[in-house]
Amino acid sequence: MHGELPKPVEAPTTRRGRRAVVTGTVLVLAAAALAYVFYPAGQQQPQRRGRFTAEGPVPVLVAPAARADVPVYLETVGTVKALNTVTVRPQVDGKLLAVGFKEGEIVKRGDVLARIDPTTYQAQLDQAIAKKAQDEAQLANAKIDLARYEKLAATNAINKQQADTQRALVAQNTAQVQSDQAAIDSARATLSYTTIIAPLTGRTGVRMVDEGNIVHASDANSAVVVITQMQPISVQFSLPQQDLARVNDAFAKAPLAVDAQRSDNDAVIDSGKLTVVDNQVDTTTGTVKLKAEFPNAQTQLWPGQFVNVRLLLDTLKDVVVIPTGAVQRGPNGTFVYVVGDDNKAKMRPVAVERQNETQAVIKSGVAPPEKVVTTGFARLSDGSEVAIGSANPPAAPPAGAPTQRRRGNRNANPQR
């Protein structure tokens, strides 16, 4: 036993190294197995196929330059306002007997809106008429006496002063009868106020008082209804003072057309005419107020509504236009790519007179019917060969749908 040598003990460091080697070998084998499964021998990784390669022609879309009449607009935001708005209030006190309109309906000028109890005011009118009849009787008697006194005074049968006194009494009674007539007219007018009529043609709002309530002319809360004139209607908007000279020059030549547009999709709601340019500039905002009138035949414009306003200042006649997307900007200014018959794009500087979101007016640099690139600038450079694509390629048939048969033979097999 004492002659045997002890076994060597492995160091911990050597043991950890062997584990790492084993783990690495397993991972390499696993990766090789996966590669064999997904990419068997002799099969290459699928290549991406495309119509154009990086070395081929640059796919682009083009549009021809054209001549057109281009309108020049000033655009802003405006507020719809009624030409006339009336708050209908009672002019006499009394009990509201009836309401003759429906909320939200169109009423015409002179239509009966409501009636107030007329009993008291009818009695006052009758009293004034009776008072006039009484005074007219006294006047008639005074005139008879005056005629008698004048005959007696002419023969010196009575004193002339007595005839003069009677003449003054006739004048006094005449004035009293005239006063009675004025009282009758006033009472009749007051009686007419018990019938509340529409002062203008327009749309009624929410009824503010119900039948059976006591209304008072002096009470601000006794309004019956608010009537708003809807046809025609106006739109008020503001423009910067820098545009004032151009607007005044154009407005002096002819009426200016104004379009009211929806705020979500810019669809034209109604078209009207500019009617007023305010006589002063707002010093706090540097803008001037303008007002346009619209027929509003379809009542699509509503008081208080916000709309986009487009004021037509001028129309550029027979100018060269291209899509706005074709205009590019570089260190030397604006330019476009013009595609010739050789399908090569050539960079050409242009002078842009004005542009909006859709089209640009070209003062010089391009002439119809030259074609300019509108899409595909990523790989494009001066002299690049291009392949012109279609802006609206035909849609592929849905999966599972039968393909179209040839028109010439009903019995032909579907084309695959």
Protein backbone atom coordinates (compact mmCIF):
# COMPACT_ATOMS: atom_id res chain seq x y z
CA MET A 1 0.00 0.00 0.00
CA HIS A 2 2.75 2.34 0.82
CA GLY A 3 4.44 1.65 -2.52
CA GLU A 4 1.56 3.06 -4.73
CA LEU A 5 1.85 6.56 -6.06
CA PRO A 6 -1.10 8.97 -5.51
CA LYS A 7 -3.34 9.87 -8.61
CA PRO A 8 -2.85 13.33 -9.98
CA VAL A 9 -5.64 15.80 -9.12
CA GLU A 10 -7.01 18.01 -12.01
CA ALA A 11 -6.94 21.67 -11.39
CA PRO A 12 -10.36 23.48 -11.45
CA THR A 13 -9.21 25.75 -14.23
CA THR A 14 -8.47 22.83 -16.59
CA ARG A 15 -11.92 21.35 -15.91
CA ARG A 16 -13.73 24.59 -16.84
CA GLY A 17 -11.74 24.87 -20.07
CA ARG A 18 -12.80 21.43 -21.23
CA ARG A 19 -16.47 22.30 -20.58
CA ALA A 20 -16.23 25.38 -22.73
CA VAL A 21 -14.71 23.40 -25.59
CA VAL A 22 -17.51 20.84 -25.43
CA THR A 23 -20.23 23.50 -25.36
CA GLY A 24 -18.76 25.29 -28.37
CA THR A 25 -18.54 22.06 -30.33
CA VAL A 26 -22.21 21.31 -29.64
CA LEU A 27 -23.30 24.77 -30.85
CA VAL A 28 -21.30 24.44 -34.07
CA LEU A 29 -22.85 21.05 -34.80
CA ALA A 30 -26.35 22.41 -34.14
CA ALA A 31 -25.81 25.33 -36.52
CA ALA A 32 -24.53 22.98 -39.20
CA ALA A 33 -27.60 20.78 -38.79
CA LEU A 34 -29.97 23.75 -39.17
CA ALA A 35 -28.13 24.90 -42.26
CA TYR A 36 -28.44 21.43 -43.77
CA VAL A 37 -32.16 21.30 -43.07
CA PHE A 38 -33.03 24.68 -44.50
CA TYR A 39 -30.42 24.82 -47.27
CA PRO A 40 -29.76 21.31 -48.56
CA ALA A 41 -26.67 20.63 -50.57
CA GLY A 42 -26.78 21.94 -54.11
CA GLN A 43 -29.60 24.41 -53.38
CA GLN A 44 -28.70 28.08 -53.31
CA GLN A 45 -30.39 30.74 -51.21
CA PRO A 46 -33.33 32.21 -53.16
CA GLN A 47 -32.50 35.41 -54.92
CA ARG A 48 -34.79 38.45 -54.83
CA ARG A 49 -36.28 39.09 -58.18
CA GLY A 50 -37.42 42.52 -59.27
CA ARG A 51 -38.22 44.41 -62.39
CA PHE A 52 -35.30 46.76 -61.93
CA THR A 53 -31.91 46.13 -60.36
CA ALA A 54 -29.65 48.70 -58.80
CA GLU A 55 -27.72 48.87 -62.05
CA GLY A 56 -30.78 49.12 -64.33
CA PRO A 57 -33.01 52.03 -65.32
CA VAL A 58 -34.50 54.15 -62.55
CA PRO A 59 -38.27 53.60 -62.25
CA VAL A 60 -40.08 56.95 -62.30
CA LEU A 61 -43.46 58.49 -62.95
CA VAL A 62 -43.78 61.43 -65.30
CA ALA A 63 -46.38 64.03 -66.23
CA PRO A 64 -46.48 66.31 -69.26
CA ALA A 65 -46.28 70.07 -68.95
CA ALA A 66 -49.48 71.75 -70.11
CA ARG A 67 -51.03 75.14 -70.66
CA ALA A 68 -54.00 76.18 -68.57
CA ASP A 69 -55.80 79.10 -66.97
CA VAL A 70 -54.77 79.22 -63.32
CA PRO A 71 -56.88 81.09 -60.75
CA VAL A 72 -55.08 83.15 -58.11
CA TYR A 73 -56.69 82.80 -54.69
CA LEU A 74 -56.28 84.28 -51.25
CA GLU A 75 -57.25 81.73 -48.62
CA THR A 76 -58.19 82.23 -44.99
CA VAL A 77 -60.75 81.19 -42.38
CA GLY A 78 -64.07 82.97 -41.93
CA THR A 79 -67.15 82.96 -39.71
CA VAL A 80 -70.69 82.70 -41.03
CA LYS A 81 -72.93 85.54 -39.87
CA ALA A 82 -76.60 86.23 -40.51
CA LEU A 83 -77.42 89.38 -42.44
CA ASN A 84 -80.20 90.14 -39.93
CA THR A 85 -81.03 88.68 -36.54
CA VAL A 86 -84.08 89.85 -34.57
CA THR A 87 -85.08 89.02 -31.01
CA VAL A 88 -88.88 89.18 -31.01
CA ARG A 89 -90.17 90.72 -27.77
CA PRO A 90 -93.69 91.70 -26.65
CA GLN A 91 -94.49 95.41 -26.89
CA VAL A 92 -97.38 95.26 -24.38
CA ASP A 93 -98.02 93.48 -21.12
CA GLY A 94 -100.48 90.65 -20.86
CA LYS A 95 -101.15 86.96 -20.89
CA LEU A 96 -99.76 84.97 -23.79
CA LEU A 97 -102.78 83.25 -25.28
CA ALA A 98 -101.26 81.36 -28.22
CA VAL A 99 -97.97 80.65 -30.02
CA GLY A 100 -98.33 80.32 -33.79
CA PHE A 101 -94.95 78.94 -34.90
CA LYS A 102 -92.84 75.82 -34.56
CA GLU A 103 -89.29 75.90 -33.39
CA GLY A 104 -86.77 75.78 -36.23
CA GLU A 105 -89.22 76.48 -39.05
CA ILE A 106 -88.98 79.17 -41.71
CA VAL A 107 -91.40 82.04 -41.15
CA LYS A 108 -92.17 84.84 -43.58
CA ARG A 109 -92.39 88.52 -42.89
CA GLY A 110 -95.85 89.30 -41.46
CA ASP A 111 -96.63 85.78 -40.20
CA VAL A 112 -98.37 85.66 -36.81
CA LEU A 113 -95.98 84.36 -34.16
CA ALA A 114 -98.02 84.79 -30.97
CA ARG A 115 -101.12 86.48 -29.49
CA ILE A 116 -101.50 88.35 -26.21
CA ASP A 117 -104.83 88.80 -24.44
CA PRO A 118 -106.36 91.92 -26.13
CA THR A 119 -109.32 92.51 -23.77
CA THR A 120 -107.89 95.49 -21.88
CA TYR A 121 -106.53 97.17 -24.97
CA GLN A 122 -109.77 96.67 -26.90
CA ALA A 123 -111.63 98.41 -24.08
CA GLN A 124 -109.20 101.34 -24.19
CA LEU A 125 -109.80 101.68 -27.91
CA ASP A 126 -113.57 101.63 -27.46
CA GLN A 127 -113.29 104.28 -24.75
CA ALA A 128 -111.26 106.55 -27.00
CA ILE A 129 -113.78 106.15 -29.83
CA ALA A 130 -116.66 107.07 -27.47
CA LYS A 131 -114.80 110.11 -26.17
CA LYS A 132 -114.31 111.34 -29.72
CA ALA A 133 -118.02 110.92 -30.50
CA GLN A 134 -118.91 112.98 -27.42
CA ASP A 135 -116.54 115.78 -28.35
CA GLU A 136 -117.73 115.76 -31.97
CA ALA A 137 -121.30 116.34 -30.73
CA GLN A 138 -120.16 119.28 -28.66
CA LEU A 139 -118.26 120.66 -31.62
CA ALA A 140 -121.31 120.41 -33.85
CA ASN A 141 -123.46 122.29 -31.31
CA ALA A 142 -120.76 124.96 -30.91
CA LYS A 143 -120.66 125.49 -34.68
CA ILE A 144 -124.46 125.98 -34.80
CA ASP A 145 -124.27 128.57 -32.03
CA LEU A 146 -121.41 130.32 -33.78
CA ALA A 147 -123.41 130.65 -36.99
CA ARG A 148 -126.36 132.13 -35.03
CA TYR A 149 -124.13 134.57 -33.10
CA GLU A 150 -122.43 135.77 -36.27
CA LYS A 151 -125.82 136.67 -37.82
CA LEU A 152 -126.92 138.54 -34.70
CA ALA A 153 -123.60 140.36 -34.42
CA ALA A 154 -123.90 141.47 -38.02
CA THR A 155 -127.20 143.31 -37.15
CA ASN A 156 -125.76 144.56 -33.86
CA ALA A 157 -128.37 142.56 -32.00
CA ILE A 158 -125.68 141.17 -29.71
CA ASN A 159 -122.20 142.19 -28.77
CA LYS A 160 -119.50 141.10 -31.25
CA GLN A 161 -117.41 139.88 -28.34
CA GLN A 162 -119.95 137.15 -27.68
CA ALA A 163 -119.56 135.92 -31.27
CA ASP A 164 -115.75 135.94 -30.90
CA THR A 165 -116.03 133.88 -27.71
CA GLN A 166 -118.21 131.35 -29.47
CA ARG A 167 -115.70 131.18 -32.33
CA ALA A 168 -112.93 130.35 -29.84
CA LEU A 169 -115.11 127.63 -28.31
CA VAL A 170 -115.54 126.03 -31.74
CA ALA A 171 -111.76 126.01 -32.24
CA GLN A 172 -111.28 124.47 -28.81
CA ASN A 173 -113.78 121.69 -29.53
CA THR A 174 -112.12 121.05 -32.91
CA ALA A 175 -108.76 120.57 -31.20
CA GLN A 176 -110.36 118.22 -28.68
CA VAL A 177 -111.75 116.07 -31.47
CA GLN A 178 -108.30 115.91 -33.07
CA SER A 179 -106.83 114.85 -29.72
CA ASP A 180 -109.48 112.16 -29.46
CA GLN A 181 -108.47 110.86 -32.89
CA ALA A 182 -104.84 110.68 -31.80
CA ALA A 183 -105.91 108.72 -28.72
CA ILE A 184 -107.86 106.35 -30.95
CA ASP A 185 -104.82 105.81 -33.20
CA SER A 186 -102.63 105.13 -30.16
CA ALA A 187 -105.12 102.69 -28.67
CA ARG A 188 -105.50 100.92 -32.01
CA ALA A 189 -101.72 100.59 -32.35
CA THR A 190 -101.44 99.25 -28.81
CA LEU A 191 -104.17 96.75 -29.57
CA SER A 192 -102.29 95.62 -32.69
CA TYR A 193 -99.25 94.87 -30.53
CA THR A 194 -101.20 92.05 -28.92
CA THR A 195 -100.64 90.17 -32.20
CA ILE A 196 -96.91 89.51 -32.51
CA ILE A 197 -95.85 89.20 -36.15
CA ALA A 198 -92.56 88.23 -37.79
CA PRO A 199 -90.54 91.35 -38.71
CA LEU A 200 -88.53 89.50 -41.39
CA THR A 201 -88.27 86.21 -43.25
CA GLY A 202 -85.99 83.77 -41.52
CA ARG A 203 -85.62 80.68 -39.36
CA THR A 204 -86.99 80.60 -35.84
CA GLY A 205 -84.90 79.40 -32.94
CA VAL A 206 -85.90 77.86 -29.63
CA ARG A 207 -89.15 79.22 -28.14
CA MET A 208 -88.33 81.29 -25.07
CA VAL A 209 -91.79 81.56 -23.48
CA ASP A 210 -94.75 79.21 -23.29
CA GLU A 211 -98.47 79.83 -23.64
CA GLY A 212 -100.23 81.02 -20.50
CA ASN A 213 -97.33 83.06 -19.15
CA ILE A 214 -97.61 86.77 -18.36
CA VAL A 215 -95.21 88.75 -20.51
CA HIS A 216 -94.01 92.30 -19.94
CA ALA A 217 -92.68 94.74 -22.49
CA SER A 218 -90.10 96.06 -20.04
CA ASP A 219 -88.78 92.60 -19.10
CA ALA A 220 -85.63 91.61 -21.01
CA ASN A 221 -86.37 87.96 -20.27
CA SER A 222 -89.79 88.04 -21.94
CA ALA A 223 -88.45 87.45 -25.45
CA VAL A 224 -90.62 85.12 -27.51
CA VAL A 225 -88.12 83.84 -30.11
CA VAL A 226 -85.05 84.81 -32.13
CA ILE A 227 -85.43 84.93 -35.93
CA THR A 228 -82.32 84.65 -38.09
CA GLN A 229 -82.21 85.50 -41.77
CA MET A 230 -80.58 82.53 -43.55
CA GLN A 231 -81.00 83.42 -47.23
CA PRO A 232 -78.90 85.24 -48.19
CA ILE A 233 -76.20 84.94 -45.56
CA SER A 234 -72.77 86.48 -45.07
CA VAL A 235 -69.28 85.27 -44.19
CA GLN A 236 -66.86 87.58 -42.40
CA PHE A 237 -63.12 86.98 -42.68
CA SER A 238 -59.80 88.81 -42.32
CA LEU A 239 -56.76 89.18 -44.55
CA PRO A 240 -53.28 90.54 -43.79
CA GLN A 241 -52.82 94.21 -44.54
CA GLN A 242 -50.16 93.27 -47.12
CA ASP A 243 -52.96 91.92 -49.36
CA LEU A 244 -55.16 95.01 -49.01
CA ALA A 245 -53.79 96.84 -52.06
CA ARG A 246 -54.27 93.83 -54.36
CA VAL A 247 -57.79 93.27 -53.06
CA ASN A 248 -58.80 96.91 -53.50
CA ASP A 249 -57.36 97.03 -57.03
CA ALA A 250 -59.20 93.91 -58.09
CA PHE A 251 -62.40 94.91 -56.27
CA ALA A 252 -62.46 98.27 -58.05
CA LYS A 253 -62.43 96.55 -61.44
CA ALA A 254 -65.16 93.94 -60.93
CA PRO A 255 -67.03 92.00 -58.22
CA LEU A 256 -64.78 89.35 -56.70
CA ALA A 257 -65.95 85.74 -56.39
CA VAL A 258 -65.64 84.06 -53.00
CA ASP A 259 -65.97 80.35 -52.22
CA ALA A 260 -66.93 78.96 -48.82
CA GLN A 261 -65.32 75.55 -48.31
CA ARG A 262 -65.67 72.78 -45.78
CA SER A 263 -62.90 72.69 -43.21
CA ASP A 264 -62.37 68.91 -43.47
CA ASN A 265 -62.07 68.27 -47.22
CA ASP A 266 -62.13 71.75 -48.84
CA ALA A 267 -65.30 70.93 -50.78
CA VAL A 268 -67.08 74.09 -51.94
CA ILE A 269 -70.22 74.67 -49.89
CA ASP A 270 -71.43 77.79 -51.71
CA SER A 271 -70.14 80.56 -53.95
CA GLY A 272 -70.83 84.23 -53.43
CA LYS A 273 -69.51 87.74 -53.97
CA LEU A 274 -67.35 90.09 -51.93
CA THR A 275 -69.52 92.95 -50.65
CA VAL A 276 -67.52 94.94 -48.09
CA VAL A 277 -63.89 95.77 -47.36
CA ASP A 278 -63.62 97.41 -43.94
CA ASN A 279 -62.51 101.04 -43.84
CA GLN A 280 -59.69 100.51 -41.36
CA VAL A 281 -56.95 98.04 -40.43
CA ASP A 282 -57.01 96.42 -37.01
CA THR A 283 -53.86 97.76 -35.36
CA THR A 284 -53.67 94.87 -32.89
CA THR A 285 -53.59 92.13 -35.54
CA GLY A 286 -52.51 93.95 -38.70
CA THR A 287 -55.49 92.57 -40.59
CA VAL A 288 -58.49 94.02 -42.37
CA LYS A 289 -62.02 92.64 -42.19
CA LEU A 290 -63.97 91.66 -45.30
CA LYS A 291 -67.50 90.39 -45.80
CA ALA A 292 -68.95 88.27 -48.58
CA GLU A 293 -72.58 87.45 -49.29
CA PHE A 294 -73.81 83.99 -50.31
CA PRO A 295 -77.25 82.94 -51.60
CA ASN A 296 -77.20 79.85 -49.34
CA ALA A 297 -79.91 78.19 -51.40
CA GLN A 298 -79.34 74.82 -49.73
CA THR A 299 -78.96 76.39 -46.24
CA GLN A 300 -75.60 74.69 -45.77
CA LEU A 301 -74.07 77.79 -44.24
CA TRP A 302 -75.10 78.28 -40.61
CA PRO A 303 -74.57 81.35 -38.41
CA GLY A 304 -71.53 80.89 -36.19
CA GLN A 305 -70.02 78.19 -38.44
CA PHE A 306 -66.31 78.30 -39.30
CA VAL A 307 -65.50 77.80 -42.99
CA ASN A 308 -62.46 78.05 -45.22
CA VAL A 309 -62.71 81.10 -47.48
CA ARG A 310 -61.15 81.34 -50.94
CA LEU A 311 -61.13 84.79 -52.56
CA LEU A 312 -60.49 84.83 -56.31
CA LEU A 313 -58.20 87.77 -57.09
CA ASP A 314 -57.14 87.06 -60.66
CA THR A 315 -56.79 84.34 -63.32
CA LEU A 316 -53.49 83.71 -65.08
CA LYS A 317 -54.32 83.00 -68.72
CA ASP A 318 -52.62 80.28 -70.79
CA VAL A 319 -49.64 79.62 -68.52
CA VAL A 320 -47.40 76.54 -68.31
CA VAL A 321 -48.25 74.26 -65.39
CA ILE A 322 -46.70 71.08 -64.01
CA PRO A 323 -47.41 69.03 -60.86
CA THR A 324 -45.94 70.60 -57.74
CA GLY A 325 -44.20 67.33 -56.90
CA ALA A 326 -41.99 67.71 -59.97
CA VAL A 327 -40.32 70.88 -58.67
CA GLN A 328 -37.09 70.17 -56.78
CA ARG A 329 -34.88 72.58 -54.88
CA GLY A 330 -31.12 72.60 -54.75
CA PRO A 331 -28.23 74.93 -53.90
CA ASN A 332 -28.65 76.73 -57.22
CA GLY A 333 -32.43 77.11 -57.00
CA THR A 334 -35.42 75.20 -58.34
CA PHE A 335 -35.10 72.57 -61.06
CA VAL A 336 -36.94 69.66 -62.65
CA TYR A 337 -35.95 66.45 -64.39
CA VAL A 338 -37.11 66.42 -68.02
CA VAL A 339 -37.42 63.02 -69.72
CA GLY A 340 -36.76 63.00 -73.46
CA ASP A 341 -37.44 60.45 -76.16
CA ASP A 342 -34.24 58.63 -75.22
CA ASN A 343 -35.71 57.87 -71.75
CA LYS A 344 -32.98 59.83 -70.02
CA ALA A 345 -33.64 62.37 -67.29
CA LYS A 346 -31.96 65.72 -67.70
CA MET A 347 -31.78 68.27 -64.93
CA ARG A 348 -33.13 71.64 -66.00
CA PRO A 349 -33.45 74.85 -63.92
CA VAL A 350 -36.90 76.46 -63.90
CA ALA A 351 -38.43 79.72 -62.70
CA VAL A 352 -41.58 79.13 -60.63
CA GLU A 353 -44.08 81.99 -60.73
CA ARG A 354 -46.42 80.54 -58.11
CA GLN A 355 -47.50 77.15 -56.81
CA ASN A 356 -49.96 75.45 -54.51
CA GLU A 357 -50.39 71.92 -53.20
CA THR A 358 -51.19 70.42 -56.61
CA GLN A 359 -49.66 72.44 -59.43
CA ALA A 360 -46.89 74.92 -60.11
CA VAL A 361 -46.91 77.73 -62.67
CA ILE A 362 -43.62 77.72 -64.56
CA LYS A 363 -42.43 81.05 -65.89
CA SER A 364 -39.49 79.60 -67.84
CA GLY A 365 -37.54 76.38 -68.21
CA VAL A 366 -40.21 73.93 -69.41
CA ALA A 367 -42.64 74.04 -72.30
CA PRO A 368 -45.42 71.66 -73.34
CA PRO A 369 -45.45 68.82 -74.21
CA GLU A 370 -42.21 68.04 -72.37
CA LYS A 371 -42.48 65.43 -69.63
CA VAL A 372 -41.16 65.97 -66.11
CA VAL A 373 -40.46 63.43 -63.40
CA THR A 374 -42.95 63.52 -60.52
CA THR A 375 -41.93 60.43 -58.50
CA GLY A 376 -38.71 58.39 -58.15
CA PHE A 377 -36.02 60.92 -57.23
CA ALA A 378 -34.11 58.67 -54.81
CA ARG A 379 -31.65 57.24 -57.37
CA LEU A 380 -32.15 59.89 -60.01
CA SER A 381 -29.33 62.10 -61.26
CA ASP A 382 -28.62 64.18 -64.32
CA GLY A 383 -28.47 61.91 -67.36
CA SER A 384 -29.86 58.80 -65.64
CA GLU A 385 -31.68 56.28 -67.77
CA VAL A 386 -35.27 55.90 -66.57
CA ALA A 387 -38.13 53.47 -67.00
CA ILE A 388 -41.49 55.19 -67.01
CA GLY A 389 -44.12 53.39 -64.96
CA SER A 390 -47.87 53.74 -64.68
CA ALA A 391 -49.38 55.81 -61.90
CA ASN A 392 -52.42 53.52 -61.75
CA PRO A 393 -51.38 49.90 -62.51
CA PRO A 394 -54.22 47.44 -63.14
CA ALA A 395 -55.41 45.77 -59.97
CA ALA A 396 -54.69 42.05 -59.64
CA PRO A 397 -57.76 39.79 -59.37
CA PRO A 398 -58.52 38.62 -55.81
CA ALA A 399 -57.23 35.24 -54.74
CA GLY A 400 -59.54 32.43 -55.78
CA ALA A 401 -61.48 34.55 -58.29
CA PRO A 402 -61.88 33.14 -61.81
CA THR A 403 -59.80 34.88 -64.42
CA GLN A 404 -61.47 36.66 -67.33
CA ARG A 405 -62.28 34.60 -70.38
CA ARG A 406 -61.45 35.68 -73.89
CA ARG A 407 -64.32 37.57 -75.46
CA GLY A 408 -63.92 35.81 -78.82
CA ASN A 409 -64.69 32.29 -77.54
CA ARG A 410 -67.13 31.62 -74.72
CA ASN A 411 -65.95 27.99 -74.46
CA ALA A 412 -62.26 28.75 -74.15
CA ASN A 413 -60.46 27.65 -71.04
CA PRO A 414 -59.61 30.34 -68.45
CA GLN A 415 -56.30 32.00 -69.02
CA ARG A 416 -53.74 31.13 -66.39
